[in-house]
C-alpha cells in the first residue's frame, strides 16, 4: 500500500469515529496523553484534529507553519463542529487524492520524506480514532486495509518511534488475538 493511501484510510477512520461523537460529550475531559495542552476536552481535541486537517493541503506541497499560520487563531469548528470537521476532512482527502506531493513534508518537529510524513499523519489519525472510540464507547474497528497499511508503514518503526514517545510500551497479545489486536499490541494501544 502506498503511504498516501494509508493516510486516506486512517483519515477515513478518524472521521468515522468523529461522526459518531455525541455533542453532549464535548465538555468531557480527555486523557492527558492525547495532547500537550492542559485540561483538554473532547471539543478541544476535535479542534486540534480540525486544525490538523486544515493544514493537510499545505503540508503535502511542502508548506509549514513557519511560513505563516493562517489557522492559528481561526475558529475552525463554528456552530456545527462535526460538520465543520467533515468539510476540512473532505478538503484534505481531495488534496491528497490530487497528488503532486512535495518530496519533503515540514512538520513542527522536523522535516521528513513524503512517504514517512504520510505515515506520521496516518499514525496520529488511526490511533486517535481507536482511542477516542474506546474512551467514549463508540463501536469501531480498524479496517483490514488500514491494519495492513499500519503493519507495513508503522509497526516496523514502532520501537524507534517509541523512543521519541510516540508509542507506549508494547503489550503481549492475548492468546488467539486477531490481526487488529496484534497490531494494536505491537504499538502499545490495545485496550481489553
N, C-alpha and C. Protein backbone atom coordinates (compact mmCIF):
# COMPACT_ATOMS: atom_id res chain seq x y z
N UNK A 1 0.84 -1.18 0.00
CA UNK A 1 0.00 0.00 0.00
C UNK A 1 0.88 1.24 0.00
N UNK A 2 0.53 2.20 -0.83
CA UNK A 2 1.27 3.45 -0.86
C UNK A 2 0.95 4.25 0.40
N UNK A 3 1.90 5.07 0.82
CA UNK A 3 1.74 5.81 2.07
C UNK A 3 0.58 6.80 2.01
N UNK A 4 0.33 7.41 0.84
CA UNK A 4 -0.79 8.34 0.76
C UNK A 4 -2.12 7.59 0.90
N UNK A 5 -2.18 6.34 0.43
CA UNK A 5 -3.39 5.53 0.60
C UNK A 5 -3.59 5.19 2.09
N UNK A 6 -2.49 4.90 2.78
CA UNK A 6 -2.58 4.65 4.22
C UNK A 6 -3.15 5.88 4.92
N UNK A 7 -2.67 7.06 4.55
CA UNK A 7 -3.21 8.29 5.14
C UNK A 7 -4.71 8.38 4.91
N UNK A 8 -5.16 8.13 3.68
CA UNK A 8 -6.59 8.24 3.37
C UNK A 8 -7.42 7.26 4.19
N UNK A 9 -6.92 6.04 4.38
CA UNK A 9 -7.64 5.06 5.20
C UNK A 9 -7.71 5.52 6.66
N UNK A 10 -6.61 6.07 7.17
CA UNK A 10 -6.60 6.50 8.57
C UNK A 10 -7.45 7.74 8.76
N UNK A 11 -7.45 8.64 7.78
CA UNK A 11 -8.26 9.84 7.86
C UNK A 11 -9.74 9.47 7.84
N UNK A 12 -10.09 8.46 7.03
CA UNK A 12 -11.47 7.98 6.99
C UNK A 12 -11.87 7.34 8.32
N UNK A 13 -10.94 6.63 8.95
CA UNK A 13 -11.23 6.00 10.24
C UNK A 13 -11.51 7.05 11.31
N UNK A 14 -10.68 8.09 11.35
CA UNK A 14 -10.91 9.14 12.34
C UNK A 14 -12.25 9.83 12.09
N UNK A 15 -12.56 10.09 10.83
CA UNK A 15 -13.85 10.71 10.52
C UNK A 15 -15.01 9.81 10.94
N UNK A 16 -14.87 8.51 10.71
CA UNK A 16 -15.93 7.57 11.11
C UNK A 16 -16.24 7.71 12.59
N UNK A 17 -15.19 7.84 13.40
CA UNK A 17 -15.39 7.98 14.84
C UNK A 17 -15.94 9.36 15.18
N UNK A 18 -15.37 10.40 14.61
CA UNK A 18 -15.82 11.77 14.90
C UNK A 18 -17.29 11.94 14.53
N UNK A 19 -17.71 11.33 13.43
CA UNK A 19 -19.11 11.45 13.02
C UNK A 19 -20.07 10.78 13.99
N UNK A 20 -19.55 9.94 14.88
CA UNK A 20 -20.40 9.27 15.87
C UNK A 20 -20.34 9.94 17.25
N UNK A 21 -19.58 11.02 17.37
CA UNK A 21 -19.48 11.70 18.66
C UNK A 21 -20.83 12.29 19.05
N UNK A 22 -21.08 12.29 20.34
CA UNK A 22 -22.29 12.91 20.88
C UNK A 22 -21.90 14.31 21.36
N UNK A 23 -22.48 15.36 20.77
CA UNK A 23 -22.14 16.71 21.22
C UNK A 23 -22.32 16.92 22.73
N UNK A 24 -23.15 16.10 23.36
CA UNK A 24 -23.31 16.21 24.82
C UNK A 24 -22.01 15.89 25.55
N UNK A 25 -21.08 15.19 24.87
CA UNK A 25 -19.79 14.84 25.48
C UNK A 25 -18.69 15.86 25.21
N UNK A 26 -18.99 16.92 24.46
CA UNK A 26 -17.95 17.87 24.05
C UNK A 26 -17.20 18.48 25.23
N UNK A 27 -17.86 18.65 26.37
CA UNK A 27 -17.18 19.25 27.52
C UNK A 27 -16.45 18.23 28.38
N UNK A 28 -16.55 16.96 28.02
CA UNK A 28 -15.88 15.91 28.80
C UNK A 28 -14.37 16.00 28.63
N UNK A 29 -13.63 15.79 29.73
CA UNK A 29 -12.16 15.79 29.63
C UNK A 29 -11.69 14.55 28.87
N UNK A 30 -10.54 14.68 28.24
CA UNK A 30 -9.92 13.54 27.55
C UNK A 30 -8.58 13.23 28.21
N UNK A 31 -8.06 12.04 28.00
CA UNK A 31 -6.80 11.67 28.65
C UNK A 31 -5.67 12.64 28.32
N UNK A 32 -4.87 12.93 29.32
CA UNK A 32 -3.76 13.88 29.19
C UNK A 32 -2.80 13.49 28.07
N UNK A 33 -2.61 12.19 27.86
CA UNK A 33 -1.65 11.75 26.84
C UNK A 33 -2.11 12.05 25.41
N UNK A 34 -3.34 12.50 25.24
CA UNK A 34 -3.82 12.85 23.90
C UNK A 34 -3.25 14.16 23.40
N UNK A 35 -2.76 15.00 24.29
CA UNK A 35 -2.29 16.31 23.87
C UNK A 35 -1.34 16.89 24.91
N UNK A 36 -0.51 17.80 24.46
CA UNK A 36 0.36 18.53 25.39
C UNK A 36 -0.39 19.68 26.04
N UNK A 37 -1.59 19.97 25.54
CA UNK A 37 -2.38 21.06 26.12
C UNK A 37 -2.96 20.63 27.46
N UNK A 38 -3.09 21.57 28.36
CA UNK A 38 -3.64 21.29 29.68
C UNK A 38 -5.17 21.21 29.62
N UNK A 39 -5.74 20.33 30.43
CA UNK A 39 -7.19 20.25 30.61
C UNK A 39 -7.96 20.21 29.29
N UNK A 40 -7.56 19.37 28.39
CA UNK A 40 -8.21 19.28 27.09
C UNK A 40 -9.56 18.57 27.21
N UNK A 41 -10.55 19.12 26.55
CA UNK A 41 -11.88 18.49 26.47
C UNK A 41 -12.02 17.80 25.12
N UNK A 42 -13.10 17.06 24.96
CA UNK A 42 -13.35 16.41 23.67
C UNK A 42 -13.49 17.46 22.58
N UNK A 43 -14.16 18.57 22.85
CA UNK A 43 -14.29 19.62 21.84
C UNK A 43 -12.93 20.22 21.51
N UNK A 44 -12.09 20.40 22.52
CA UNK A 44 -10.74 20.89 22.28
C UNK A 44 -9.94 19.92 21.43
N UNK A 45 -10.10 18.63 21.69
CA UNK A 45 -9.43 17.61 20.90
C UNK A 45 -9.93 17.65 19.46
N UNK A 46 -11.23 17.80 19.29
CA UNK A 46 -11.80 17.91 17.94
C UNK A 46 -11.24 19.14 17.22
N UNK A 47 -11.05 20.22 17.97
CA UNK A 47 -10.44 21.42 17.40
C UNK A 47 -9.03 21.18 16.92
N UNK A 48 -8.27 20.39 17.69
CA UNK A 48 -6.90 20.06 17.27
C UNK A 48 -6.91 19.21 16.00
N UNK A 49 -7.88 18.29 15.91
CA UNK A 49 -8.00 17.48 14.69
C UNK A 49 -8.41 18.34 13.49
N UNK A 50 -9.31 19.30 13.73
CA UNK A 50 -9.72 20.20 12.66
C UNK A 50 -8.52 21.02 12.17
N UNK A 51 -7.72 21.51 13.09
CA UNK A 51 -6.51 22.27 12.75
C UNK A 51 -5.57 21.40 11.90
N UNK A 52 -5.40 20.17 12.32
CA UNK A 52 -4.53 19.23 11.60
C UNK A 52 -5.05 19.00 10.17
N UNK A 53 -6.36 18.82 10.05
CA UNK A 53 -6.96 18.61 8.72
C UNK A 53 -6.79 19.84 7.85
N UNK A 54 -6.98 21.03 8.43
CA UNK A 54 -6.87 22.26 7.67
C UNK A 54 -5.48 22.41 7.04
N UNK A 55 -4.45 21.87 7.71
CA UNK A 55 -3.08 22.01 7.25
C UNK A 55 -2.70 21.02 6.14
N UNK A 56 -3.44 19.94 5.98
CA UNK A 56 -3.03 18.89 5.04
C UNK A 56 -2.76 19.42 3.63
N UNK A 57 -3.65 20.20 3.02
CA UNK A 57 -3.35 20.67 1.67
C UNK A 57 -2.03 21.44 1.57
N UNK A 58 -1.66 22.17 2.62
CA UNK A 58 -0.40 22.90 2.62
C UNK A 58 0.79 21.98 2.89
N UNK A 59 0.65 21.11 3.87
CA UNK A 59 1.77 20.23 4.25
C UNK A 59 2.22 19.37 3.07
N UNK A 60 1.27 18.83 2.33
CA UNK A 60 1.66 17.90 1.26
C UNK A 60 2.33 18.58 0.07
N UNK A 61 2.27 19.92 0.02
CA UNK A 61 3.01 20.63 -1.03
C UNK A 61 4.25 21.33 -0.46
N UNK A 62 4.59 21.02 0.80
CA UNK A 62 5.84 21.50 1.36
C UNK A 62 5.77 22.74 2.22
N UNK A 63 4.58 23.27 2.47
CA UNK A 63 4.47 24.44 3.34
C UNK A 63 4.45 24.01 4.81
N UNK A 64 4.79 24.95 5.67
CA UNK A 64 4.80 24.68 7.11
C UNK A 64 4.33 25.91 7.86
N UNK A 65 3.98 25.72 9.12
CA UNK A 65 3.52 26.83 9.96
C UNK A 65 4.57 27.94 10.03
N UNK A 66 5.85 27.58 9.89
CA UNK A 66 6.91 28.58 9.92
C UNK A 66 6.77 29.58 8.78
N UNK A 67 6.05 29.20 7.71
CA UNK A 67 5.82 30.09 6.57
C UNK A 67 4.65 31.05 6.82
N UNK A 68 4.02 30.91 7.98
CA UNK A 68 2.82 31.68 8.32
C UNK A 68 1.69 30.70 8.62
N UNK A 69 0.96 30.96 9.66
CA UNK A 69 -0.08 30.02 10.10
C UNK A 69 -1.46 30.68 10.04
N UNK A 70 -2.17 30.52 8.91
CA UNK A 70 -3.48 31.15 8.78
C UNK A 70 -4.55 30.53 9.67
N UNK A 71 -4.25 29.39 10.27
CA UNK A 71 -5.26 28.69 11.08
C UNK A 71 -5.06 28.87 12.58
N UNK A 72 -3.99 29.54 12.97
CA UNK A 72 -3.63 29.64 14.39
C UNK A 72 -4.76 30.17 15.26
N UNK A 73 -5.42 31.21 14.83
CA UNK A 73 -6.47 31.82 15.65
C UNK A 73 -7.85 31.68 15.02
N UNK A 74 -7.95 30.84 14.00
CA UNK A 74 -9.23 30.69 13.29
C UNK A 74 -10.18 29.78 14.07
N UNK A 75 -11.46 30.09 13.99
CA UNK A 75 -12.49 29.23 14.55
C UNK A 75 -12.84 28.21 13.47
N UNK A 76 -12.21 27.06 13.54
CA UNK A 76 -12.39 26.05 12.50
C UNK A 76 -13.62 25.18 12.71
N UNK A 77 -14.22 25.25 13.90
CA UNK A 77 -15.36 24.37 14.20
C UNK A 77 -16.71 25.06 14.08
N UNK A 78 -16.77 26.36 14.26
CA UNK A 78 -18.01 27.09 14.09
C UNK A 78 -19.15 26.57 14.96
N UNK A 79 -20.37 26.74 14.46
CA UNK A 79 -21.56 26.37 15.21
C UNK A 79 -21.88 24.88 15.12
N UNK A 80 -21.30 24.20 14.15
CA UNK A 80 -21.55 22.76 13.96
C UNK A 80 -20.20 22.07 13.84
N UNK A 81 -19.57 21.75 14.99
CA UNK A 81 -18.20 21.23 14.97
C UNK A 81 -17.99 19.98 14.12
N UNK A 82 -18.92 19.05 14.15
CA UNK A 82 -18.72 17.81 13.40
C UNK A 82 -18.81 18.08 11.90
N UNK A 83 -19.80 18.86 11.48
CA UNK A 83 -19.92 19.20 10.05
C UNK A 83 -18.71 20.02 9.59
N UNK A 84 -18.21 20.91 10.44
CA UNK A 84 -17.03 21.71 10.08
C UNK A 84 -15.81 20.82 9.93
N UNK A 85 -15.65 19.87 10.86
CA UNK A 85 -14.55 18.93 10.74
C UNK A 85 -14.69 18.13 9.44
N UNK A 86 -15.88 17.65 9.14
CA UNK A 86 -16.09 16.86 7.93
C UNK A 86 -15.71 17.64 6.68
N UNK A 87 -16.03 18.93 6.63
CA UNK A 87 -15.67 19.75 5.47
C UNK A 87 -14.15 19.85 5.32
N UNK A 88 -13.45 20.02 6.44
CA UNK A 88 -11.99 20.06 6.40
C UNK A 88 -11.42 18.70 5.99
N UNK A 89 -12.04 17.63 6.47
CA UNK A 89 -11.63 16.28 6.11
C UNK A 89 -11.82 16.05 4.61
N UNK A 90 -12.94 16.53 4.05
CA UNK A 90 -13.18 16.42 2.61
C UNK A 90 -12.08 17.13 1.82
N UNK A 91 -11.73 18.34 2.25
CA UNK A 91 -10.71 19.12 1.55
C UNK A 91 -9.35 18.45 1.64
N UNK A 92 -9.02 17.91 2.81
CA UNK A 92 -7.74 17.22 2.98
C UNK A 92 -7.67 15.99 2.07
N UNK A 93 -8.74 15.19 2.08
CA UNK A 93 -8.77 14.00 1.23
C UNK A 93 -8.65 14.34 -0.24
N UNK A 94 -9.36 15.38 -0.68
CA UNK A 94 -9.29 15.79 -2.09
C UNK A 94 -7.87 16.23 -2.46
N UNK A 95 -7.22 16.96 -1.55
CA UNK A 95 -5.85 17.40 -1.82
C UNK A 95 -4.91 16.22 -1.95
N UNK A 96 -5.05 15.24 -1.09
CA UNK A 96 -4.17 14.06 -1.16
C UNK A 96 -4.46 13.27 -2.43
N UNK A 97 -5.73 13.09 -2.76
CA UNK A 97 -6.06 12.32 -3.97
C UNK A 97 -5.59 13.02 -5.24
N UNK A 98 -5.42 14.33 -5.19
CA UNK A 98 -4.98 15.06 -6.39
C UNK A 98 -3.51 14.85 -6.71
N UNK A 99 -2.73 14.33 -5.75
CA UNK A 99 -1.31 14.05 -5.99
C UNK A 99 -0.48 15.31 -5.95
N UNK A 100 0.69 15.25 -6.59
CA UNK A 100 1.57 16.41 -6.64
C UNK A 100 2.21 16.73 -5.31
N UNK A 101 2.74 15.72 -4.62
CA UNK A 101 3.30 15.93 -3.29
C UNK A 101 4.72 16.46 -3.34
N UNK A 102 5.06 17.27 -2.35
CA UNK A 102 6.45 17.70 -2.17
C UNK A 102 7.28 16.48 -1.78
N UNK A 103 8.56 16.53 -2.03
CA UNK A 103 9.45 15.43 -1.63
C UNK A 103 9.60 15.38 -0.12
N UNK A 104 9.47 16.55 0.52
CA UNK A 104 9.67 16.65 1.96
C UNK A 104 8.47 17.33 2.60
N UNK A 105 8.00 16.74 3.70
CA UNK A 105 6.94 17.34 4.50
C UNK A 105 7.60 18.02 5.69
N UNK A 106 7.17 19.25 5.99
CA UNK A 106 7.76 20.04 7.07
C UNK A 106 6.77 20.14 8.21
N UNK A 107 7.09 19.45 9.31
CA UNK A 107 6.26 19.48 10.50
C UNK A 107 6.93 20.35 11.56
N UNK A 108 6.21 20.65 12.61
CA UNK A 108 6.79 21.46 13.69
C UNK A 108 7.94 20.73 14.36
N UNK A 109 8.00 19.41 14.26
CA UNK A 109 9.05 18.62 14.91
C UNK A 109 10.13 18.15 13.94
N UNK A 110 10.11 18.62 12.70
CA UNK A 110 11.17 18.26 11.78
C UNK A 110 10.67 18.03 10.36
N UNK A 111 11.63 17.78 9.46
CA UNK A 111 11.32 17.53 8.06
C UNK A 111 11.53 16.06 7.75
N UNK A 112 10.58 15.49 6.96
CA UNK A 112 10.61 14.06 6.65
C UNK A 112 10.24 13.83 5.20
N UNK A 113 10.82 12.79 4.59
CA UNK A 113 10.39 12.44 3.23
C UNK A 113 8.88 12.21 3.21
N UNK A 114 8.25 12.49 2.08
CA UNK A 114 6.79 12.42 1.98
C UNK A 114 6.24 11.08 2.45
N UNK A 115 6.88 9.98 2.09
CA UNK A 115 6.37 8.67 2.49
C UNK A 115 6.31 8.55 4.01
N UNK A 116 7.38 8.96 4.68
CA UNK A 116 7.39 8.91 6.14
C UNK A 116 6.42 9.93 6.73
N UNK A 117 6.31 11.09 6.09
CA UNK A 117 5.37 12.11 6.56
C UNK A 117 3.94 11.61 6.53
N UNK A 118 3.57 10.92 5.45
CA UNK A 118 2.23 10.34 5.39
C UNK A 118 2.04 9.30 6.49
N UNK A 119 3.09 8.51 6.76
CA UNK A 119 3.00 7.50 7.84
C UNK A 119 2.80 8.17 9.19
N UNK A 120 3.48 9.30 9.41
CA UNK A 120 3.31 10.03 10.68
C UNK A 120 1.86 10.50 10.82
N UNK A 121 1.34 11.12 9.76
CA UNK A 121 -0.02 11.64 9.83
C UNK A 121 -1.05 10.52 9.97
N UNK A 122 -0.79 9.40 9.31
CA UNK A 122 -1.70 8.24 9.41
C UNK A 122 -1.67 7.66 10.81
N UNK A 123 -0.50 7.60 11.41
CA UNK A 123 -0.36 7.06 12.76
C UNK A 123 -1.22 7.85 13.74
N UNK A 124 -1.09 9.14 13.69
CA UNK A 124 -1.86 10.01 14.60
C UNK A 124 -3.35 9.77 14.44
N UNK A 125 -3.81 9.74 13.22
CA UNK A 125 -5.24 9.61 12.97
C UNK A 125 -5.77 8.23 13.34
N UNK A 126 -5.07 7.20 12.94
CA UNK A 126 -5.55 5.83 13.20
C UNK A 126 -5.66 5.55 14.69
N UNK A 127 -4.64 5.92 15.44
CA UNK A 127 -4.66 5.58 16.86
C UNK A 127 -5.51 6.55 17.68
N UNK A 128 -5.71 7.75 17.18
CA UNK A 128 -6.69 8.63 17.82
C UNK A 128 -8.10 8.10 17.57
N UNK A 129 -8.37 7.62 16.36
CA UNK A 129 -9.69 7.03 16.08
C UNK A 129 -9.97 5.90 17.06
N UNK A 130 -9.00 5.02 17.23
CA UNK A 130 -9.17 3.89 18.14
C UNK A 130 -9.34 4.38 19.59
N UNK A 131 -8.49 5.31 20.00
CA UNK A 131 -8.53 5.79 21.39
C UNK A 131 -9.82 6.53 21.71
N UNK A 132 -10.25 7.40 20.81
CA UNK A 132 -11.49 8.14 21.04
C UNK A 132 -12.66 7.17 21.12
N UNK A 133 -12.72 6.22 20.20
CA UNK A 133 -13.81 5.25 20.19
C UNK A 133 -13.84 4.46 21.50
N UNK A 134 -12.69 3.98 21.94
CA UNK A 134 -12.64 3.21 23.19
C UNK A 134 -13.06 4.08 24.38
N UNK A 135 -12.54 5.30 24.44
CA UNK A 135 -12.79 6.18 25.58
C UNK A 135 -14.26 6.55 25.69
N UNK A 136 -14.93 6.75 24.54
CA UNK A 136 -16.32 7.21 24.56
C UNK A 136 -17.32 6.10 24.21
N UNK A 137 -16.86 4.86 24.16
CA UNK A 137 -17.76 3.73 23.95
C UNK A 137 -18.40 3.68 22.58
N UNK A 138 -17.67 4.12 21.57
CA UNK A 138 -18.18 4.12 20.19
C UNK A 138 -17.78 2.80 19.53
N UNK A 139 -18.73 2.06 18.96
CA UNK A 139 -18.38 0.82 18.27
C UNK A 139 -17.49 1.13 17.07
N UNK A 140 -16.31 0.53 17.04
CA UNK A 140 -15.36 0.85 15.98
C UNK A 140 -14.29 -0.23 15.89
N UNK A 141 -13.90 -0.56 14.67
CA UNK A 141 -12.74 -1.42 14.41
C UNK A 141 -11.96 -0.82 13.25
N UNK A 142 -10.66 -0.93 13.31
CA UNK A 142 -9.81 -0.52 12.21
C UNK A 142 -10.10 -1.44 11.02
N UNK A 143 -10.17 -0.87 9.83
CA UNK A 143 -10.46 -1.68 8.64
C UNK A 143 -9.28 -2.60 8.32
N UNK A 144 -9.54 -3.71 7.63
CA UNK A 144 -8.44 -4.59 7.23
C UNK A 144 -7.38 -3.86 6.41
N UNK A 145 -7.81 -2.94 5.54
CA UNK A 145 -6.85 -2.18 4.72
C UNK A 145 -5.97 -1.29 5.60
N UNK A 146 -6.58 -0.67 6.59
CA UNK A 146 -5.82 0.20 7.49
C UNK A 146 -4.84 -0.63 8.32
N UNK A 147 -5.28 -1.76 8.81
CA UNK A 147 -4.38 -2.64 9.57
C UNK A 147 -3.20 -3.07 8.71
N UNK A 148 -3.49 -3.45 7.47
CA UNK A 148 -2.41 -3.85 6.56
C UNK A 148 -1.41 -2.71 6.35
N UNK A 149 -1.93 -1.51 6.10
CA UNK A 149 -1.05 -0.36 5.87
C UNK A 149 -0.23 0.01 7.10
N UNK A 150 -0.85 -0.05 8.28
CA UNK A 150 -0.12 0.23 9.51
C UNK A 150 0.96 -0.82 9.76
N UNK A 151 0.65 -2.08 9.47
CA UNK A 151 1.65 -3.13 9.62
C UNK A 151 2.83 -2.93 8.66
N UNK A 152 2.56 -2.36 7.51
CA UNK A 152 3.61 -2.12 6.52
C UNK A 152 4.43 -0.87 6.82
N UNK A 153 3.76 0.22 7.14
CA UNK A 153 4.44 1.52 7.24
C UNK A 153 4.75 2.00 8.65
N UNK A 154 4.09 1.43 9.67
CA UNK A 154 4.25 1.97 11.02
C UNK A 154 4.85 0.96 11.98
N UNK A 155 4.29 -0.23 12.06
CA UNK A 155 4.74 -1.23 13.04
C UNK A 155 6.24 -1.50 12.95
N UNK A 156 6.84 -1.58 11.74
CA UNK A 156 8.29 -1.81 11.69
C UNK A 156 9.12 -0.71 12.37
N UNK A 157 8.54 0.46 12.54
CA UNK A 157 9.24 1.59 13.18
C UNK A 157 8.82 1.81 14.63
N UNK A 158 7.96 0.94 15.14
CA UNK A 158 7.37 1.16 16.47
C UNK A 158 8.42 1.32 17.56
N UNK A 159 9.44 0.48 17.57
CA UNK A 159 10.44 0.58 18.63
C UNK A 159 11.22 1.89 18.55
N UNK A 160 11.59 2.31 17.34
CA UNK A 160 12.31 3.58 17.19
C UNK A 160 11.41 4.75 17.58
N UNK A 161 10.16 4.73 17.13
CA UNK A 161 9.26 5.82 17.44
C UNK A 161 8.88 5.82 18.92
N UNK A 162 8.91 4.66 19.53
CA UNK A 162 8.62 4.56 20.97
C UNK A 162 9.66 5.37 21.76
N UNK A 163 10.90 5.39 21.29
CA UNK A 163 11.95 6.14 21.97
C UNK A 163 11.68 7.65 21.92
N UNK A 164 10.90 8.10 20.94
CA UNK A 164 10.54 9.52 20.83
C UNK A 164 9.28 9.82 21.62
N UNK A 165 8.66 8.80 22.21
CA UNK A 165 7.44 8.99 22.97
C UNK A 165 6.16 8.87 22.16
N UNK A 166 6.29 8.40 20.91
CA UNK A 166 5.10 8.26 20.06
C UNK A 166 4.20 7.13 20.56
N UNK A 167 4.81 6.03 20.97
CA UNK A 167 4.05 4.86 21.39
C UNK A 167 4.38 4.48 22.82
N UNK A 168 3.38 3.96 23.54
CA UNK A 168 3.65 3.38 24.86
C UNK A 168 4.33 2.02 24.69
N UNK A 169 4.74 1.37 25.77
CA UNK A 169 5.37 0.06 25.66
C UNK A 169 4.47 -0.95 24.95
N UNK A 170 5.10 -1.85 24.23
CA UNK A 170 4.36 -2.92 23.55
C UNK A 170 3.64 -3.77 24.59
N UNK A 171 2.58 -4.43 24.17
CA UNK A 171 1.76 -5.28 25.03
C UNK A 171 1.79 -6.69 24.46
N UNK A 172 1.87 -7.66 25.34
CA UNK A 172 1.81 -9.05 24.89
C UNK A 172 0.38 -9.36 24.44
N UNK A 173 0.19 -9.76 23.17
CA UNK A 173 -1.18 -10.03 22.72
C UNK A 173 -1.78 -11.23 23.44
N UNK A 174 -3.08 -11.20 23.69
CA UNK A 174 -3.72 -12.36 24.31
C UNK A 174 -3.72 -13.55 23.35
N UNK A 175 -3.85 -14.75 23.90
CA UNK A 175 -3.89 -15.96 23.08
C UNK A 175 -5.04 -15.84 22.08
N UNK A 176 -4.75 -16.22 20.85
CA UNK A 176 -5.78 -16.21 19.81
C UNK A 176 -6.16 -14.83 19.32
N UNK A 177 -5.31 -13.83 19.56
CA UNK A 177 -5.62 -12.46 19.18
C UNK A 177 -5.78 -12.33 17.67
N UNK A 178 -6.71 -11.48 17.26
CA UNK A 178 -6.90 -11.24 15.83
C UNK A 178 -5.85 -10.24 15.34
N UNK A 179 -5.88 -9.98 14.03
CA UNK A 179 -4.88 -9.11 13.40
C UNK A 179 -4.90 -7.69 13.99
N UNK A 180 -6.10 -7.15 14.22
CA UNK A 180 -6.21 -5.81 14.79
C UNK A 180 -5.58 -5.77 16.18
N UNK A 181 -5.90 -6.74 17.01
CA UNK A 181 -5.37 -6.77 18.38
C UNK A 181 -3.85 -6.90 18.37
N UNK A 182 -3.31 -7.78 17.51
CA UNK A 182 -1.85 -7.97 17.45
C UNK A 182 -1.15 -6.67 17.04
N UNK A 183 -1.71 -5.98 16.06
CA UNK A 183 -1.11 -4.74 15.61
C UNK A 183 -1.19 -3.68 16.71
N UNK A 184 -2.35 -3.56 17.37
CA UNK A 184 -2.50 -2.58 18.45
C UNK A 184 -1.57 -2.91 19.63
N UNK A 185 -1.36 -4.17 19.91
CA UNK A 185 -0.43 -4.56 20.97
C UNK A 185 1.00 -4.17 20.61
N UNK A 186 1.37 -4.33 19.34
CA UNK A 186 2.73 -4.01 18.90
C UNK A 186 3.06 -2.54 19.15
N UNK A 187 2.04 -1.69 19.04
CA UNK A 187 2.28 -0.24 19.25
C UNK A 187 1.81 0.22 20.64
N UNK A 188 1.35 -0.72 21.47
CA UNK A 188 1.01 -0.39 22.84
C UNK A 188 -0.33 0.28 23.05
N UNK A 189 -1.22 0.18 22.06
CA UNK A 189 -2.51 0.86 22.17
C UNK A 189 -3.69 -0.03 22.52
N UNK A 190 -3.51 -1.31 22.51
CA UNK A 190 -4.64 -2.21 22.72
C UNK A 190 -5.24 -2.00 24.11
N UNK A 191 -6.57 -1.97 24.15
CA UNK A 191 -7.33 -1.91 25.40
C UNK A 191 -8.27 -3.08 25.41
N UNK A 192 -8.25 -3.90 26.48
CA UNK A 192 -9.09 -5.08 26.54
C UNK A 192 -10.56 -4.69 26.58
